[in-house]
Amino acid sequence: DRRLPPQTELGGFLREISGNLAAERISDLWIEPGTPAREELFHTLPIIMRFTGPYLSLASFLRRADAMERLTRVQMLKVGTFRDDENGNLKIELQMNIYFTES
C-alpha cells in the first residue's frame, strides 16, 4: 500500500519527482503545484507538469511515478507532437494528484 502522509510534504515530493524526470531524456520542465482541496477523509493537492521528451521517457517516468512510496495518481495526460521534430519528441502535459491527511 502507498504512504499517505499527515502533511503535504510538497518539498520532498517535488525533489523525488524532479529526480525521476532528470533520469529521463526530458527537457523544458515546468512544474506548478495547485491549491489543496479537502475531501471527506483526506486532502488532494494537484500538480501540473509540462515537459518535452520521447515517448519511452514518458512511459518510464510514469512507471517510476507509479512505483513511488507516496500515493500519487495521474488525473490528466495530454500528449502532442511537434511538426518539424526529427527526434520524435512529444509535448507532454499532465496533472498528478498527491494526497495527505491534514492541512
Protein backbone atom coordinates (compact mmCIF):
# COMPACT_ATOMS: atom_id res chain seq x y z
CA ASP A 1 0.00 0.00 0.00
CA ARG A 2 1.03 3.58 -0.57
CA ARG A 3 2.04 6.12 2.01
CA LEU A 4 -0.50 8.82 2.89
CA PRO A 5 1.45 11.43 4.90
CA PRO A 6 -0.18 13.63 7.55
CA GLN A 7 1.07 16.82 5.82
CA THR A 8 1.58 17.88 2.20
CA GLU A 9 5.36 17.27 2.30
CA LEU A 10 5.45 19.02 -1.07
CA GLY A 11 9.20 19.68 -0.99
CA GLY A 12 10.08 16.01 -0.67
CA PHE A 13 7.65 15.03 -3.41
CA LEU A 14 9.00 17.68 -5.80
CA ARG A 15 12.58 16.54 -5.16
CA GLU A 16 11.64 12.92 -5.85
CA ILE A 17 9.60 13.69 -8.96
CA SER A 18 12.34 16.01 -10.28
CA GLY A 19 14.88 13.22 -9.77
CA ASN A 20 12.63 10.82 -11.69
CA LEU A 21 12.33 13.31 -14.54
CA ALA A 22 16.08 14.02 -14.53
CA ALA A 23 16.74 10.29 -15.03
CA GLU A 24 14.88 10.51 -18.36
CA ARG A 25 15.54 12.48 -21.56
CA ILE A 26 13.20 15.28 -20.53
CA SER A 27 13.58 18.97 -21.34
CA ASP A 28 11.63 22.22 -20.89
CA LEU A 29 10.37 21.08 -17.49
CA TRP A 30 7.71 23.23 -15.81
CA ILE A 31 6.03 22.20 -12.53
CA GLU A 32 3.26 24.13 -10.76
CA PRO A 33 1.53 22.97 -7.57
CA GLY A 34 -2.15 23.83 -7.40
CA THR A 35 -4.43 24.58 -4.47
CA PRO A 36 -5.16 21.80 -1.97
CA ALA A 37 -8.75 20.55 -1.88
CA ARG A 38 -10.36 18.97 1.16
CA GLU A 39 -12.08 15.63 0.60
CA GLU A 40 -14.05 13.70 3.21
CA LEU A 41 -11.12 11.68 4.63
CA PHE A 42 -8.07 13.35 3.07
CA HIS A 43 -6.78 16.36 1.15
CA THR A 44 -5.79 16.40 -2.52
CA LEU A 45 -3.02 18.57 -3.98
CA PRO A 46 -2.95 18.80 -7.79
CA ILE A 47 0.41 19.35 -9.50
CA ILE A 48 0.59 20.36 -13.17
CA MET A 49 3.70 19.38 -15.15
CA ARG A 50 4.71 20.26 -18.69
CA PHE A 51 7.79 18.92 -20.43
CA THR A 52 9.20 17.68 -23.72
CA GLY A 53 10.64 14.25 -24.37
CA PRO A 54 10.36 11.00 -26.32
CA TYR A 55 7.55 8.51 -25.74
CA LEU A 56 9.79 5.96 -23.99
CA SER A 57 10.92 8.60 -21.49
CA LEU A 58 7.28 9.44 -20.73
CA ALA A 59 6.45 5.76 -20.23
CA SER A 60 9.47 5.27 -17.96
CA PHE A 61 8.61 8.37 -15.93
CA LEU A 62 5.03 7.13 -15.44
CA ARG A 63 6.37 3.75 -14.28
CA ARG A 64 8.66 5.50 -11.78
CA ALA A 65 5.77 7.66 -10.52
CA ASP A 66 3.61 4.57 -10.04
CA ALA A 67 6.38 2.91 -8.02
CA MET A 68 6.78 5.87 -5.65
CA GLU A 69 6.12 5.19 -1.97
CA ARG A 70 3.78 8.16 -1.79
CA LEU A 71 0.26 7.75 -3.11
CA THR A 72 0.02 9.60 -6.44
CA ARG A 73 -2.46 9.47 -9.29
CA VAL A 74 -2.27 10.87 -12.80
CA GLN A 75 -5.57 12.68 -13.30
CA MET A 76 -4.96 14.14 -16.76
CA LEU A 77 -2.45 13.42 -19.52
CA LYS A 78 -2.15 15.33 -22.80
CA VAL A 79 0.40 14.31 -25.41
CA GLY A 80 1.07 16.28 -28.57
CA THR A 81 3.64 16.26 -31.35
CA PHE A 82 5.89 18.87 -32.92
CA ARG A 83 5.56 19.39 -36.68
CA ASP A 84 9.25 19.58 -37.50
CA ASP A 85 10.84 17.47 -34.74
CA GLU A 86 13.05 14.76 -36.22
CA ASN A 87 13.93 13.35 -32.78
CA GLY A 88 10.41 12.10 -32.03
CA ASN A 89 9.93 14.40 -29.04
CA LEU A 90 6.45 14.94 -27.65
CA LYS A 91 4.82 17.87 -25.85
CA ILE A 92 3.52 16.44 -22.58
CA GLU A 93 1.20 17.97 -20.01
CA LEU A 94 -0.07 16.06 -17.03
CA GLN A 95 -1.83 16.65 -13.77
CA MET A 96 -0.73 14.44 -10.94
CA ASN A 97 -2.51 14.46 -7.59
CA ILE A 98 -0.86 13.76 -4.26
CA TYR A 99 -2.80 13.12 -1.07
CA PHE A 100 -2.37 13.85 2.63
CA THR A 101 -4.49 13.59 5.77
CA GLU A 102 -4.18 17.04 7.39
CA SER A 103 -3.65 20.61 6.23
